[in-house]
Protein backbone atom coordinates (compact mmCIF):
# COMPACT_ATOMS: atom_id res chain seq x y z
CA MET A 1 -30.75 0.33 -26.78
CA CYS A 2 -27.14 -0.60 -27.49
CA VAL A 3 -24.30 -0.55 -25.02
CA ALA A 4 -20.69 -0.07 -26.09
CA ILE A 5 -18.19 -1.76 -23.78
CA PRO A 6 -14.71 -0.44 -22.91
CA MET A 7 -12.04 -3.15 -23.32
CA ARG A 8 -8.24 -3.21 -23.03
CA VAL A 9 -6.19 -4.05 -26.13
CA THR A 10 -3.90 -7.07 -25.67
CA LYS A 11 -2.80 -7.62 -29.30
CA VAL A 12 -2.90 -5.59 -32.54
CA GLN A 13 -2.64 -7.00 -36.07
CA GLY A 14 -2.52 -5.29 -39.44
CA ASP A 15 -1.35 -1.96 -40.76
CA PRO A 16 -3.32 1.23 -40.04
CA ASN A 17 -2.25 2.62 -43.43
CA ASP A 18 -3.14 -0.46 -45.48
CA PHE A 19 -6.80 -1.42 -45.58
CA THR A 20 -5.96 -4.59 -47.51
CA THR A 21 -4.47 -6.09 -44.31
CA SER A 22 -6.60 -7.62 -41.57
CA GLN A 23 -7.01 -4.78 -39.08
CA ILE A 24 -7.81 -6.79 -35.98
CA ALA A 25 -7.13 -6.47 -32.27
CA THR A 26 -7.60 -8.82 -29.38
CA VAL A 27 -9.23 -7.11 -26.40
CA ASP A 28 -9.99 -8.17 -22.84
CA SER A 29 -12.38 -7.13 -20.11
CA ASN A 30 -12.67 -8.95 -16.81
CA GLY A 31 -11.19 -12.13 -18.28
CA VAL A 32 -13.36 -12.12 -21.42
CA SER A 33 -11.21 -11.97 -24.56
CA LYS A 34 -12.49 -11.18 -28.08
CA GLU A 35 -11.14 -10.40 -31.51
CA ILE A 36 -12.50 -7.12 -32.87
CA ARG A 37 -12.17 -5.08 -36.06
CA LEU A 38 -10.22 -1.81 -36.19
CA ASP A 39 -11.59 -0.51 -39.50
CA ILE A 40 -13.49 2.44 -38.02
CA VAL A 41 -11.69 3.28 -34.77
CA ASP A 42 -10.79 6.96 -34.34
CA HIS A 43 -7.20 6.26 -33.20
CA TRP A 44 -5.06 3.21 -34.01
CA PRO A 45 -4.53 1.51 -30.63
CA LYS A 46 -1.42 0.06 -29.03
CA VAL A 47 -1.29 -2.84 -26.58
CA GLY A 48 -2.56 -1.55 -23.23
CA ASP A 49 -4.86 1.09 -24.74
CA TYR A 50 -8.61 1.03 -24.12
CA VAL A 51 -11.22 1.11 -26.87
CA ILE A 52 -15.02 1.13 -26.86
CA ILE A 53 -16.43 -1.94 -28.60
CA HIS A 54 -19.80 -2.12 -30.36
CA ALA A 55 -20.97 -4.97 -32.59
CA GLY A 56 -17.45 -6.36 -32.97
CA PHE A 57 -15.82 -3.05 -33.94
CA ALA A 58 -13.61 -0.67 -31.97
CA ILE A 59 -15.36 2.66 -32.44
CA HIS A 60 -13.51 4.99 -30.08
CA SER A 61 -10.31 5.06 -28.05
CA LEU A 62 -10.32 6.03 -24.37
CA GLU A 63 -7.84 7.21 -21.79
CA GLU A 64 -7.31 4.56 -19.10
CA ALA A 65 -8.97 6.61 -16.34
CA GLU A 66 -12.05 7.24 -18.48
CA ALA A 67 -12.28 3.56 -19.44
CA LYS A 68 -12.04 2.41 -15.82
CA LYS A 69 -14.72 4.92 -14.79
CA ASN A 70 -17.04 3.63 -17.55
CA ILE A 71 -16.39 0.01 -16.53
CA GLU A 72 -17.22 0.84 -12.91
CA LEU A 73 -20.43 2.61 -13.95
CA LEU A 74 -21.51 -0.42 -16.02
CA ARG A 75 -20.72 -2.68 -13.04
CA GLU A 76 -22.84 -0.48 -10.73
CA LEU A 77 -25.67 -0.47 -13.26
CA ALA A 78 -25.62 -4.28 -13.43
CA GLU A 79 -25.50 -4.63 -9.64
CA ASN A 80 -28.47 -2.29 -9.18
CA THR A 81 -30.66 -3.68 -11.94
CA PRO A 82 -33.59 -5.67 -10.52
CA ASP A 83 -33.47 -9.42 -11.18
CA GLU A 84 -36.82 -9.36 -12.98
CA LEU A 85 -35.23 -7.15 -15.65
CA LEU A 86 -32.10 -9.29 -15.94
CA SER A 87 -33.73 -12.74 -15.97
CA PRO A 88 -34.97 -12.51 -19.60
CA LEU A 89 -31.40 -11.61 -20.64
CA ARG A 90 -29.97 -14.59 -18.78
CA GLU A 91 -32.39 -16.91 -20.56
CA MET A 92 -31.08 -15.73 -23.95
CA VAL A 93 -27.49 -16.71 -23.12
């Protein structure tokens, strides 16, 4: 199973109308910052927008309220997952 993570856009590079430019954004969630690709996102984001990230690509844009709800649900899921299910994941990191 794959999980797509909502993250807030902090920087946008490239031109949405020119695929020969590097279409990259910097995104942040809970202090974790990453550079991601914008090649396939449904809506070109602006700084402050939220996007769903999967495998290094922004795949979908979200309204802020929807993104925050998804983040909270992921947090609740992590908090309520038994340690025996999480320990193999921690060993991989």
